[in-house]
Amino acid sequence: MSPSNYTNWRSWVAVFMLGIASFTIVTTELAPIGMLSSIAQDMQQSASSTGLVVTLYAWLSAAVALISVMMISHLPRRPLLVGLMLLLGGVNGVAAVSQSFSVLLAARVVGALAHGAFWAMIGTLGAQLVSESSVGKATAIIFGGVSIASVLGVPLINWISSGAGWRLSFLILGILSVVTALTLVLSLPHVSGTPRLGRGELFSVFRNSKLRIVYLIAACGIVSHFAAFTYVEVLLSSVIALPNSWISICLLTFGVAGIVGNFMCGMYIDNHLKRVLSTGLLLISLCLTLISLPTVSSKVITLLLVSGWGLGVAHYSLVFKHGSSD
């Protein structure tokens, strides 16, 4: 194999491993959603208190992502990403063996630090690993891990925890994190960091009144979605009283509906962005309202509402990923 072919092959291995890393990161973030009742029962906590392992994780990772752009974006990518994946593996291992809720919560807090720093670094890495003509494909592979985690991660975790316990789920995620880190050591070439973004540059975007409205809409929608989604397993198991097998089906359906929604949204978003956003918000609001009614007990109706919820979230989130205005 010629040196150029070896370099190209190694770069694509790194791209695929970064896709697995993004899958592991997102699945780690969402994992407790699929086993919240089991964790709460084992730790002798209420479901609302146990939800902190998701909500606190999300808020911290978002804050760390912003700080990381200013603090560590200049560092070389390979040692940074390898270190973050090893850190994630360690905290998942601690979560798996934790005997108290405070230890579990502390592990999740540290995991949120790794999560936020990871996403601050990963955005432009595909363009630094492959040729210009292959940037789109590389980026799709790296961020494809997010979609796969959303579709398979939560239902798979729910299925594992219902059969073998929630601790095994965290242990598997920890092992996967370490294996990914070791593979990145061998495959990821030297990639230099980017200039640090100054605090003034970062916060200058808030001076734009139109952007402030966009951020407010995004924040309200994202907070309302995750506030509900964090406790979806508790709702399905304790309130609607679905069996575990149907909970996994509902979670899987939510993810599949999200992928379908992405394709549907992609067909219309360029010419009808506001309508797509309004449709997403309406679907989320309608489905969350109906699924919370005490009269909803049918498996089929629940499945339809979860599907509509997934479609709405896909429409809503893709609008902000699109990053344009109508």
C-alpha atoms as a PDB file:
ATOM      1  CA  MET A   1       0.000   0.000   0.000  1.00  0.00           C
ATOM      2  CA  SER A   2       1.423   3.360  -1.027  1.00  0.00           C
ATOM      3  CA  PRO A   3       1.898   6.081   1.630  1.00  0.00           C
ATOM      4  CA  SER A   4      -0.905   8.190   0.118  1.00  0.00           C
ATOM      5  CA  ASN A   5      -3.356   5.272   0.089  1.00  0.00           C
ATOM      6  CA  TYR A   6      -2.434   4.406   3.672  1.00  0.00           C
ATOM      7  CA  THR A   7      -3.007   7.996   4.779  1.00  0.00           C
ATOM      8  CA  ASN A   8      -6.379   8.096   3.012  1.00  0.00           C
ATOM      9  CA  TRP A   9      -7.430   4.752   4.513  1.00  0.00           C
ATOM     10  CA  ARG A  10      -6.355   5.840   7.988  1.00  0.00           C
ATOM     11  CA  SER A  11      -8.294   9.093   7.703  1.00  0.00           C
ATOM     12  CA  TRP A  12     -11.504   7.271   6.769  1.00  0.00           C
ATOM     13  CA  VAL A  13     -11.061   4.871   9.673  1.00  0.00           C
ATOM     14  CA  ALA A  14     -10.780   7.954  11.897  1.00  0.00           C
ATOM     15  CA  VAL A  15     -13.962   9.380  10.348  1.00  0.00           C
ATOM     16  CA  PHE A  16     -15.904   6.181  11.073  1.00  0.00           C
ATOM     17  CA  MET A  17     -14.548   6.012  14.612  1.00  0.00           C
ATOM     18  CA  LEU A  18     -15.598   9.625  15.182  1.00  0.00           C
ATOM     19  CA  GLY A  19     -19.074   8.554  14.060  1.00  0.00           C
ATOM     20  CA  ILE A  20     -18.985   5.817  16.688  1.00  0.00           C
ATOM     21  CA  ALA A  21     -17.717   8.364  19.204  1.00  0.00           C
ATOM     22  CA  SER A  22     -20.663  10.675  18.470  1.00  0.00           C
ATOM     23  CA  PHE A  23     -23.015   7.697  18.837  1.00  0.00           C
ATOM     24  CA  THR A  24     -21.453   6.850  22.205  1.00  0.00           C
ATOM     25  CA  ILE A  25     -21.557  10.457  23.403  1.00  0.00           C
ATOM     26  CA  VAL A  26     -25.226  10.967  22.523  1.00  0.00           C
ATOM     27  CA  THR A  27     -26.286   7.543  23.806  1.00  0.00           C
ATOM     28  CA  THR A  28     -24.522   8.289  27.089  1.00  0.00           C
ATOM     29  CA  GLU A  29     -26.412  11.568  27.342  1.00  0.00           C
ATOM     30  CA  LEU A  30     -29.811   9.995  26.654  1.00  0.00           C
ATOM     31  CA  ALA A  31     -29.227   6.593  28.293  1.00  0.00           C
ATOM     32  CA  PRO A  32     -30.967   7.330  31.622  1.00  0.00           C
ATOM     33  CA  ILE A  33     -34.157   8.296  29.765  1.00  0.00           C
ATOM     34  CA  GLY A  34     -34.708   4.652  28.845  1.00  0.00           C
ATOM     35  CA  MET A  35     -34.120   3.359  32.365  1.00  0.00           C
ATOM     36  CA  LEU A  36     -35.180   6.206  34.652  1.00  0.00           C
ATOM     37  CA  SER A  37     -37.640   4.085  36.643  1.00  0.00           C
ATOM     38  CA  SER A  38     -35.039   1.366  37.261  1.00  0.00           C
ATOM     39  CA  ILE A  39     -32.433   3.860  38.450  1.00  0.00           C
ATOM     40  CA  ALA A  40     -34.950   5.655  40.682  1.00  0.00           C
ATOM     41  CA  GLN A  41     -36.076   2.398  42.285  1.00  0.00           C
ATOM     42  CA  ASP A  42     -32.550   1.086  42.786  1.00  0.00           C
ATOM     43  CA  MET A  43     -31.287   4.378  44.221  1.00  0.00           C
ATOM     44  CA  GLN A  44     -34.448   4.919  46.288  1.00  0.00           C
ATOM     45  CA  GLN A  45     -35.097   8.278  44.650  1.00  0.00           C
ATOM     46  CA  SER A  46     -38.182   9.852  43.125  1.00  0.00           C
ATOM     47  CA  ALA A  47     -38.429   9.966  39.344  1.00  0.00           C
ATOM     48  CA  SER A  48     -38.225  13.771  39.423  1.00  0.00           C
ATOM     49  CA  SER A  49     -34.963  13.717  41.397  1.00  0.00           C
ATOM     50  CA  THR A  50     -33.490  10.995  39.220  1.00  0.00           C
ATOM     51  CA  GLY A  51     -34.241  13.105  36.150  1.00  0.00           C
ATOM     52  CA  LEU A  52     -31.363  15.365  37.231  1.00  0.00           C
ATOM     53  CA  VAL A  53     -28.940  12.836  35.743  1.00  0.00           C
ATOM     54  CA  VAL A  54     -30.341  13.907  32.361  1.00  0.00           C
ATOM     55  CA  THR A  55     -31.334  17.556  32.798  1.00  0.00           C
ATOM     56  CA  LEU A  56     -28.253  18.638  34.746  1.00  0.00           C
ATOM     57  CA  TYR A  57     -26.072  16.767  32.227  1.00  0.00           C
ATOM     58  CA  ALA A  58     -27.732  18.618  29.327  1.00  0.00           C
ATOM     59  CA  TRP A  59     -27.422  22.105  30.837  1.00  0.00           C
ATOM     60  CA  LEU A  60     -23.794  21.591  31.841  1.00  0.00           C
ATOM     61  CA  SER A  61     -22.741  20.165  28.475  1.00  0.00           C
ATOM     62  CA  ALA A  62     -24.323  23.129  26.678  1.00  0.00           C
ATOM     63  CA  ALA A  63     -22.475  25.591  28.911  1.00  0.00           C
ATOM     64  CA  VAL A  64     -19.180  23.704  28.574  1.00  0.00           C
ATOM     65  CA  ALA A  65     -19.483  23.681  24.776  1.00  0.00           C
ATOM     66  CA  LEU A  66     -19.561  27.491  24.767  1.00  0.00           C
ATOM     67  CA  ILE A  67     -16.678  27.769  27.212  1.00  0.00           C
ATOM     68  CA  SER A  68     -14.619  25.199  25.296  1.00  0.00           C
ATOM     69  CA  VAL A  69     -14.723  27.314  22.133  1.00  0.00           C
ATOM     70  CA  MET A  70     -12.951  30.046  24.073  1.00  0.00           C
ATOM     71  CA  MET A  71     -10.665  27.913  26.240  1.00  0.00           C
ATOM     72  CA  ILE A  72      -9.442  24.751  24.500  1.00  0.00           C
ATOM     73  CA  SER A  73     -10.229  25.083  20.777  1.00  0.00           C
ATOM     74  CA  HIS A  74      -6.537  25.779  20.072  1.00  0.00           C
ATOM     75  CA  LEU A  75      -5.376  22.371  21.352  1.00  0.00           C
ATOM     76  CA  PRO A  76      -4.399  19.511  18.973  1.00  0.00           C
ATOM     77  CA  ARG A  77      -7.400  17.317  18.255  1.00  0.00           C
ATOM     78  CA  ARG A  78      -6.036  13.782  18.724  1.00  0.00           C
ATOM     79  CA  PRO A  79      -4.871  13.958  22.373  1.00  0.00           C
ATOM     80  CA  LEU A  80      -7.896  16.080  23.247  1.00  0.00           C
ATOM     81  CA  LEU A  81     -10.502  13.727  21.737  1.00  0.00           C
ATOM     82  CA  VAL A  82      -8.751  10.611  23.020  1.00  0.00           C
ATOM     83  CA  GLY A  83      -8.648  12.106  26.504  1.00  0.00           C
ATOM     84  CA  LEU A  84     -12.328  13.069  26.361  1.00  0.00           C
ATOM     85  CA  MET A  85     -13.376   9.557  25.274  1.00  0.00           C
ATOM     86  CA  LEU A  86     -11.267   7.988  28.028  1.00  0.00           C
ATOM     87  CA  LEU A  87     -12.846  10.361  30.526  1.00  0.00           C
ATOM     88  CA  LEU A  88     -16.296   9.398  29.256  1.00  0.00           C
ATOM     89  CA  GLY A  89     -15.386   5.717  29.602  1.00  0.00           C
ATOM     90  CA  GLY A  90     -14.263   6.271  33.169  1.00  0.00           C
ATOM     91  CA  VAL A  91     -17.395   8.125  34.278  1.00  0.00           C
ATOM     92  CA  ASN A  92     -19.641   5.513  32.650  1.00  0.00           C
ATOM     93  CA  GLY A  93     -17.729   2.878  34.598  1.00  0.00           C
ATOM     94  CA  VAL A  94     -18.203   4.836  37.820  1.00  0.00           C
ATOM     95  CA  ALA A  95     -21.927   5.177  37.055  1.00  0.00           C
ATOM     96  CA  ALA A  96     -22.167   1.411  36.532  1.00  0.00           C
ATOM     97  CA  VAL A  97     -20.752   0.600  39.982  1.00  0.00           C
ATOM     98  CA  SER A  98     -22.149   3.569  41.919  1.00  0.00           C
ATOM     99  CA  GLN A  99     -23.994   2.659  45.102  1.00  0.00           C
ATOM    100  CA  SER A 100     -25.381   6.092  45.907  1.00  0.00           C
ATOM    101  CA  PHE A 101     -27.259   8.660  43.901  1.00  0.00           C
ATOM    102  CA  SER A 102     -24.738  11.389  44.727  1.00  0.00           C
ATOM    103  CA  VAL A 103     -21.906   9.342  43.175  1.00  0.00           C
ATOM    104  CA  LEU A 104     -24.018   8.636  40.093  1.00  0.00           C
ATOM    105  CA  LEU A 105     -24.890  12.328  39.747  1.00  0.00           C
ATOM    106  CA  ALA A 106     -21.244  13.346  40.191  1.00  0.00           C
ATOM    107  CA  ALA A 107     -20.219  10.897  37.453  1.00  0.00           C
ATOM    108  CA  ARG A 108     -22.836  12.391  35.156  1.00  0.00           C
ATOM    109  CA  VAL A 109     -21.595  15.919  35.883  1.00  0.00           C
ATOM    110  CA  VAL A 110     -18.050  14.958  34.864  1.00  0.00           C
ATOM    111  CA  GLY A 111     -19.442  13.205  31.798  1.00  0.00           C
ATOM    112  CA  ALA A 112     -21.214  16.420  30.821  1.00  0.00           C
ATOM    113  CA  LEU A 113     -17.842  18.202  30.786  1.00  0.00           C
ATOM    114  CA  ALA A 114     -16.488  15.668  28.280  1.00  0.00           C
ATOM    115  CA  HIS A 115     -19.700  15.853  26.247  1.00  0.00           C
ATOM    116  CA  GLY A 116     -19.649  19.627  25.881  1.00  0.00           C
ATOM    117  CA  ALA A 117     -15.968  19.797  24.989  1.00  0.00           C
ATOM    118  CA  PHE A 118     -16.407  17.005  22.416  1.00  0.00           C
ATOM    119  CA  TRP A 119     -19.120  18.851  20.481  1.00  0.00           C
ATOM    120  CA  ALA A 120     -17.193  22.093  20.554  1.00  0.00           C
ATOM    121  CA  MET A 121     -14.290  20.360  18.769  1.00  0.00           C
ATOM    122  CA  ILE A 122     -15.968  17.927  16.379  1.00  0.00           C
ATOM    123  CA  GLY A 123     -17.876  20.268  14.057  1.00  0.00           C
ATOM    124  CA  THR A 124     -15.136  21.035  11.525  1.00  0.00           C
ATOM    125  CA  LEU A 125     -13.001  17.927  11.955  1.00  0.00           C
ATOM    126  CA  GLY A 126     -14.359  16.136   8.889  1.00  0.00           C
ATOM    127  CA  ALA A 127     -13.040  18.920   6.655  1.00  0.00           C
ATOM    128  CA  GLN A 128      -9.592  18.522   8.207  1.00  0.00           C
ATOM    129  CA  LEU A 129      -9.379  14.766   7.622  1.00  0.00           C
ATOM    130  CA  VAL A 130     -10.466  14.193   4.021  1.00  0.00           C
ATOM    131  CA  SER A 131     -10.243  15.902   0.634  1.00  0.00           C
ATOM    132  CA  GLU A 132     -12.527  18.805  -0.176  1.00  0.00           C
ATOM    133  CA  SER A 133     -14.706  16.646  -2.450  1.00  0.00           C
ATOM    134  CA  SER A 134     -15.409  14.210   0.409  1.00  0.00           C
ATOM    135  CA  VAL A 135     -16.135  16.679   3.224  1.00  0.00           C
ATOM    136  CA  GLY A 136     -19.898  16.238   2.986  1.00  0.00           C
ATOM    137  CA  LYS A 137     -19.647  12.457   3.160  1.00  0.00           C
ATOM    138  CA  ALA A 138     -17.242  12.573   6.121  1.00  0.00           C
ATOM    139  CA  THR A 139     -19.425  15.057   8.013  1.00  0.00           C
ATOM    140  CA  ALA A 140     -22.501  12.917   7.356  1.00  0.00           C
ATOM    141  CA  ILE A 141     -20.723   9.865   8.781  1.00  0.00           C
ATOM    142  CA  ILE A 142     -19.506  11.703  11.881  1.00  0.00           C
ATOM    143  CA  PHE A 143     -22.884  13.229  12.669  1.00  0.00           C
ATOM    144  CA  GLY A 144     -24.695  10.092  11.529  1.00  0.00           C
ATOM    145  CA  GLY A 145     -23.790   8.708  14.932  1.00  0.00           C
ATOM    146  CA  VAL A 146     -26.182  11.248  16.430  1.00  0.00           C
ATOM    147  CA  SER A 147     -29.101   9.989  14.329  1.00  0.00           C
ATOM    148  CA  ILE A 148     -28.302   6.350  15.046  1.00  0.00           C
ATOM    149  CA  ALA A 149     -28.071   7.103  18.764  1.00  0.00           C
ATOM    150  CA  SER A 150     -31.447   8.837  18.662  1.00  0.00           C
ATOM    151  CA  VAL A 151     -33.071   5.925  16.819  1.00  0.00           C
ATOM    152  CA  LEU A 152     -31.345   2.949  18.449  1.00  0.00           C
ATOM    153  CA  GLY A 153     -29.556   4.249  21.545  1.00  0.00           C
ATOM    154  CA  VAL A 154     -32.478   4.907  23.919  1.00  0.00           C
ATOM    155  CA  PRO A 155     -34.623   1.850  22.954  1.00  0.00           C
ATOM    156  CA  LEU A 156     -31.542  -0.392  23.065  1.00  0.00           C
ATOM    157  CA  ILE A 157     -30.612   0.898  26.514  1.00  0.00           C
ATOM    158  CA  ASN A 158     -34.203   0.401  27.658  1.00  0.00           C
ATOM    159  CA  TRP A 159     -34.158  -3.187  26.354  1.00  0.00           C
ATOM    160  CA  ILE A 160     -30.815  -3.986  28.038  1.00  0.00           C
ATOM    161  CA  SER A 161     -31.809  -2.430  31.367  1.00  0.00           C
ATOM    162  CA  SER A 162     -35.177  -4.203  31.430  1.00  0.00           C
ATOM    163  CA  GLY A 163     -33.472  -7.570  30.996  1.00  0.00           C
ATOM    164  CA  ALA A 164     -30.053  -7.226  32.632  1.00  0.00           C
ATOM    165  CA  GLY A 165     -30.210  -4.049  34.711  1.00  0.00           C
ATOM    166  CA  TRP A 166     -29.237  -0.442  34.107  1.00  0.00           C
ATOM    167  CA  ARG A 167     -25.694  -0.909  35.400  1.00  0.00           C
ATOM    168  CA  LEU A 168     -24.794  -3.168  32.478  1.00  0.00           C
ATOM    169  CA  SER A 169     -25.915  -0.436  30.079  1.00  0.00           C
ATOM    170  CA  PHE A 170     -23.466   2.058  31.576  1.00  0.00           C
ATOM    171  CA  LEU A 171     -20.728  -0.590  31.618  1.00  0.00           C
ATOM    172  CA  ILE A 172     -21.200  -1.299  27.907  1.00  0.00           C
ATOM    173  CA  LEU A 173     -21.058   2.426  27.122  1.00  0.00           C
ATOM    174  CA  GLY A 174     -17.881   2.712  29.191  1.00  0.00           C
ATOM    175  CA  ILE A 175     -16.191  -0.136  27.306  1.00  0.00           C
ATOM    176  CA  LEU A 176     -17.283   1.302  23.957  1.00  0.00           C
ATOM    177  CA  SER A 177     -15.843   4.700  24.938  1.00  0.00           C
ATOM    178  CA  VAL A 178     -12.445   3.217  25.826  1.00  0.00           C
ATOM    179  CA  VAL A 179     -12.289   1.082  22.664  1.00  0.00           C
ATOM    180  CA  THR A 180     -13.146   4.138  20.565  1.00  0.00           C
ATOM    181  CA  ALA A 181     -10.418   6.150  22.295  1.00  0.00           C
ATOM    182  CA  LEU A 182      -7.798   3.477  21.611  1.00  0.00           C
ATOM    183  CA  THR A 183      -8.841   3.269  17.962  1.00  0.00           C
ATOM    184  CA  LEU A 184      -8.573   7.052  17.611  1.00  0.00           C
ATOM    185  CA  VAL A 185      -5.002   6.853  18.940  1.00  0.00           C
ATOM    186  CA  LEU A 186      -4.099   4.658  15.962  1.00  0.00           C
ATOM    187  CA  SER A 187      -6.253   6.222  13.248  1.00  0.00           C
ATOM    188  CA  LEU A 188      -6.593   9.942  13.916  1.00  0.00           C
ATOM    189  CA  PRO A 189      -3.706  11.910  12.361  1.00  0.00           C
ATOM    190  CA  HIS A 190      -2.301  15.086  13.811  1.00  0.00           C
ATOM    191  CA  VAL A 191      -4.884  17.842  13.433  1.00  0.00           C
ATOM    192  CA  SER A 192      -4.048  21.242  14.818  1.00  0.00           C
ATOM    193  CA  GLY A 193      -6.528  23.344  16.753  1.00  0.00           C
ATOM    194  CA  THR A 194      -8.281  26.480  15.632  1.00  0.00           C
ATOM    195  CA  PRO A 195      -7.830  30.035  16.941  1.00  0.00           C
ATOM    196  CA  ARG A 196      -9.699  30.623  20.164  1.00  0.00           C
ATOM    197  CA  LEU A 197     -12.868  32.665  19.888  1.00  0.00           C
ATOM    198  CA  GLY A 198     -12.804  35.747  22.053  1.00  0.00           C
ATOM    199  CA  ARG A 199     -15.538  36.415  24.576  1.00  0.00           C
ATOM    200  CA  GLY A 200     -16.504  39.597  22.785  1.00  0.00           C
ATOM    201  CA  GLU A 201     -16.843  37.778  19.458  1.00  0.00           C
ATOM    202  CA  LEU A 202     -18.925  35.019  21.012  1.00  0.00           C
ATOM    203  CA  PHE A 203     -21.418  37.301  22.703  1.00  0.00           C
ATOM    204  CA  SER A 204     -21.609  39.836  19.882  1.00  0.00           C
ATOM    205  CA  VAL A 205     -24.288  37.687  18.222  1.00  0.00           C
ATOM    206  CA  PHE A 206     -26.709  38.618  21.016  1.00  0.00           C
ATOM    207  CA  ARG A 207     -26.678  42.240  19.841  1.00  0.00           C
ATOM    208  CA  ASN A 208     -28.749  41.220  16.825  1.00  0.00           C
ATOM    209  CA  SER A 209     -32.430  41.533  17.779  1.00  0.00           C
ATOM    210  CA  LYS A 210     -33.578  39.006  15.155  1.00  0.00           C
ATOM    211  CA  LEU A 211     -31.086  36.450  16.415  1.00  0.00           C
ATOM    212  CA  ARG A 212     -32.274  36.986  19.983  1.00  0.00           C
ATOM    213  CA  ILE A 213     -35.815  36.051  18.894  1.00  0.00           C
ATOM    214  CA  VAL A 214     -34.486  32.936  17.137  1.00  0.00           C
ATOM    215  CA  TYR A 215     -32.529  31.920  20.246  1.00  0.00           C
ATOM    216  CA  LEU A 216     -35.603  32.436  22.435  1.00  0.00           C
ATOM    217  CA  ILE A 217     -37.767  30.241  20.193  1.00  0.00           C
ATOM    218  CA  ALA A 218     -35.050  27.596  20.057  1.00  0.00           C
ATOM    219  CA  ALA A 219     -34.540  27.631  23.831  1.00  0.00           C
ATOM    220  CA  CYS A 220     -38.266  27.365  24.615  1.00  0.00           C
ATOM    221  CA  GLY A 221     -38.780  24.499  22.186  1.00  0.00           C
ATOM    222  CA  ILE A 222     -35.701  22.540  23.217  1.00  0.00           C
ATOM    223  CA  VAL A 223     -36.370  22.963  26.944  1.00  0.00           C
ATOM    224  CA  SER A 224     -40.008  21.896  26.616  1.00  0.00           C
ATOM    225  CA  HIS A 225     -39.100  18.862  24.512  1.00  0.00           C
ATOM    226  CA  PHE A 226     -36.364  17.576  26.802  1.00  0.00           C
ATOM    227  CA  ALA A 227     -38.326  18.373  29.949  1.00  0.00           C
ATOM    228  CA  ALA A 228     -40.961  15.954  28.662  1.00  0.00           C
ATOM    229  CA  PHE A 229     -38.649  13.455  26.956  1.00  0.00           C
ATOM    230  CA  THR A 230     -36.560  12.999  30.092  1.00  0.00           C
ATOM    231  CA  TYR A 231     -39.559  11.404  31.792  1.00  0.00           C
ATOM    232  CA  VAL A 232     -41.079   9.629  28.793  1.00  0.00           C
ATOM    233  CA  GLU A 233     -40.162   6.190  30.147  1.00  0.00           C
ATOM    234  CA  VAL A 234     -41.816   6.996  33.472  1.00  0.00           C
ATOM    235  CA  LEU A 235     -44.923   8.246  31.659  1.00  0.00           C
ATOM    236  CA  LEU A 236     -45.154   5.149  29.479  1.00  0.00           C
ATOM    237  CA  SER A 237     -44.480   2.660  32.274  1.00  0.00           C
ATOM    238  CA  SER A 238     -46.154   4.192  35.338  1.00  0.00           C
ATOM    239  CA  VAL A 239     -48.918   6.437  33.978  1.00  0.00           C
ATOM    240  CA  ILE A 240     -49.994   4.741  30.750  1.00  0.00           C
ATOM    241  CA  ALA A 241     -48.884   1.346  32.141  1.00  0.00           C
ATOM    242  CA  LEU A 242     -47.324  -0.059  28.978  1.00  0.00           C
ATOM    243  CA  PRO A 243     -45.268  -3.271  29.225  1.00  0.00           C
ATOM    244  CA  ASN A 244     -41.489  -2.997  28.756  1.00  0.00           C
ATOM    245  CA  SER A 245     -41.637  -4.456  25.257  1.00  0.00           C
ATOM    246  CA  TRP A 246     -44.024  -1.689  24.150  1.00  0.00           C
ATOM    247  CA  ILE A 247     -41.906   1.002  25.787  1.00  0.00           C
ATOM    248  CA  SER A 248     -38.941  -0.084  23.655  1.00  0.00           C
ATOM    249  CA  ILE A 249     -41.177  -0.066  20.571  1.00  0.00           C
ATOM    250  CA  CYS A 250     -42.410   3.450  21.387  1.00  0.00           C
ATOM    251  CA  LEU A 251     -38.876   4.766  21.877  1.00  0.00           C
ATOM    252  CA  LEU A 252     -37.732   3.128  18.642  1.00  0.00           C
ATOM    253  CA  THR A 253     -40.744   4.568  16.815  1.00  0.00           C
ATOM    254  CA  PHE A 254     -39.896   8.034  18.130  1.00  0.00           C
ATOM    255  CA  GLY A 255     -36.413   7.777  16.619  1.00  0.00           C
ATOM    256  CA  VAL A 256     -37.601   6.368  13.297  1.00  0.00           C
ATOM    257  CA  ALA A 257     -40.234   9.116  13.055  1.00  0.00           C
ATOM    258  CA  GLY A 258     -37.436  11.629  13.604  1.00  0.00           C
ATOM    259  CA  ILE A 259     -35.486  10.283  10.637  1.00  0.00           C
ATOM    260  CA  VAL A 260     -38.619  10.304   8.444  1.00  0.00           C
ATOM    261  CA  GLY A 261     -39.290  13.849   9.617  1.00  0.00           C
ATOM    262  CA  ASN A 262     -35.791  14.913   8.602  1.00  0.00           C
ATOM    263  CA  PHE A 263     -36.348  13.679   5.045  1.00  0.00           C
ATOM    264  CA  MET A 264     -39.811  15.281   4.865  1.00  0.00           C
ATOM    265  CA  CYS A 265     -38.492  18.533   6.243  1.00  0.00           C
ATOM    266  CA  GLY A 266     -35.599  18.563   3.787  1.00  0.00           C
ATOM    267  CA  MET A 267     -38.042  18.608   0.875  1.00  0.00           C
ATOM    268  CA  TYR A 268     -39.744  21.843   1.952  1.00  0.00           C
ATOM    269  CA  ILE A 269     -37.418  23.721   4.269  1.00  0.00           C
ATOM    270  CA  ASP A 270     -35.741  25.926   1.652  1.00  0.00           C
ATOM    271  CA  ASN A 271     -39.010  27.424   0.387  1.00  0.00           C
ATOM    272  CA  HIS A 272     -41.275  27.085   3.425  1.00  0.00           C
ATOM    273  CA  LEU A 273     -39.047  27.449   6.462  1.00  0.00           C
ATOM    274  CA  LYS A 274     -41.588  29.259   8.667  1.00  0.00           C
ATOM    275  CA  ARG A 275     -44.289  26.734   7.857  1.00  0.00           C
ATOM    276  CA  VAL A 276     -41.948  23.868   8.658  1.00  0.00           C
ATOM    277  CA  LEU A 277     -41.074  25.477  12.003  1.00  0.00           C
ATOM    278  CA  SER A 278     -44.749  26.140  12.810  1.00  0.00           C
ATOM    279  CA  THR A 279     -45.662  22.556  11.883  1.00  0.00           C
ATOM    280  CA  GLY A 280     -42.971  21.190  14.169  1.00  0.00           C
ATOM    281  CA  LEU A 281     -44.036  23.337  17.108  1.00  0.00           C
ATOM    282  CA  LEU A 282     -47.707  22.459  16.546  1.00  0.00           C
ATOM    283  CA  LEU A 283     -47.005  18.726  16.387  1.00  0.00           C
ATOM    284  CA  ILE A 284     -44.918  18.807  19.564  1.00  0.00           C
ATOM    285  CA  SER A 285     -47.541  20.821  21.463  1.00  0.00           C
ATOM    286  CA  LEU A 286     -50.480  18.723  20.255  1.00  0.00           C
ATOM    287  CA  CYS A 287     -48.864  15.338  20.884  1.00  0.00           C
ATOM    288  CA  LEU A 288     -47.506  16.266  24.324  1.00  0.00           C
ATOM    289  CA  THR A 289     -50.910  17.620  25.343  1.00  0.00           C
ATOM    290  CA  LEU A 290     -52.822  14.550  24.161  1.00  0.00           C
ATOM    291  CA  ILE A 291     -50.384  11.967  25.526  1.00  0.00           C
ATOM    292  CA  SER A 292     -50.638  13.549  28.979  1.00  0.00           C
ATOM    293  CA  LEU A 293     -54.428  13.139  29.137  1.00  0.00           C
ATOM    294  CA  PRO A 294     -55.585  10.474  31.599  1.00  0.00           C
ATOM    295  CA  THR A 295     -57.906   9.018  28.938  1.00  0.00           C
ATOM    296  CA  VAL A 296     -54.964   7.931  26.768  1.00  0.00           C
ATOM    297  CA  SER A 297     -54.349   4.267  27.502  1.00  0.00           C
ATOM    298  CA  SER A 298     -54.457   2.630  24.067  1.00  0.00           C
ATOM    299  CA  LYS A 299     -51.161   1.236  22.827  1.00  0.00           C
ATOM    300  CA  VAL A 300     -51.899   2.234  19.247  1.00  0.00           C
ATOM    301  CA  ILE A 301     -52.898   5.800  20.143  1.00  0.00           C
ATOM    302  CA  THR A 302     -49.798   6.170  22.313  1.00  0.00           C
ATOM    303  CA  LEU A 303     -47.643   4.920  19.452  1.00  0.00           C
ATOM    304  CA  LEU A 304     -49.230   7.437  17.070  1.00  0.00           C
ATOM    305  CA  LEU A 305     -48.696  10.309  19.495  1.00  0.00           C
ATOM    306  CA  VAL A 306     -45.070   9.334  20.080  1.00  0.00           C
ATOM    307  CA  SER A 307     -44.597   9.190  16.294  1.00  0.00           C
ATOM    308  CA  GLY A 308     -46.090  12.661  15.884  1.00  0.00           C
ATOM    309  CA  TRP A 309     -43.842  13.934  18.654  1.00  0.00           C
ATOM    310  CA  GLY A 310     -40.785  12.531  16.871  1.00  0.00           C
ATOM    311  CA  LEU A 311     -41.872  14.099  13.573  1.00  0.00           C
ATOM    312  CA  GLY A 312     -42.369  17.462  15.259  1.00  0.00           C
ATOM    313  CA  VAL A 313     -38.976  17.423  16.950  1.00  0.00           C
ATOM    314  CA  ALA A 314     -37.318  16.568  13.629  1.00  0.00           C
ATOM    315  CA  HIS A 315     -39.037  19.480  11.872  1.00  0.00           C
ATOM    316  CA  TYR A 316     -38.205  21.850  14.691  1.00  0.00           C
ATOM    317  CA  SER A 317     -34.558  20.896  15.133  1.00  0.00           C
ATOM    318  CA  LEU A 318     -33.767  20.797  11.424  1.00  0.00           C
ATOM    319  CA  VAL A 319     -34.928  24.393  11.032  1.00  0.00           C
ATOM    320  CA  PHE A 320     -32.232  25.546  13.450  1.00  0.00           C
ATOM    321  CA  LYS A 321     -29.634  23.239  11.904  1.00  0.00           C
ATOM    322  CA  HIS A 322     -30.500  24.759   8.566  1.00  0.00           C
ATOM    323  CA  GLY A 323     -29.297  28.084   9.955  1.00  0.00           C
ATOM    324  CA  SER A 324     -31.143  30.351   7.522  1.00  0.00           C
ATOM    325  CA  SER A 325     -34.172  32.621   7.535  1.00  0.00           C
ATOM    326  CA  ASP A 326     -37.276  32.715   5.388  1.00  0.00           C
END
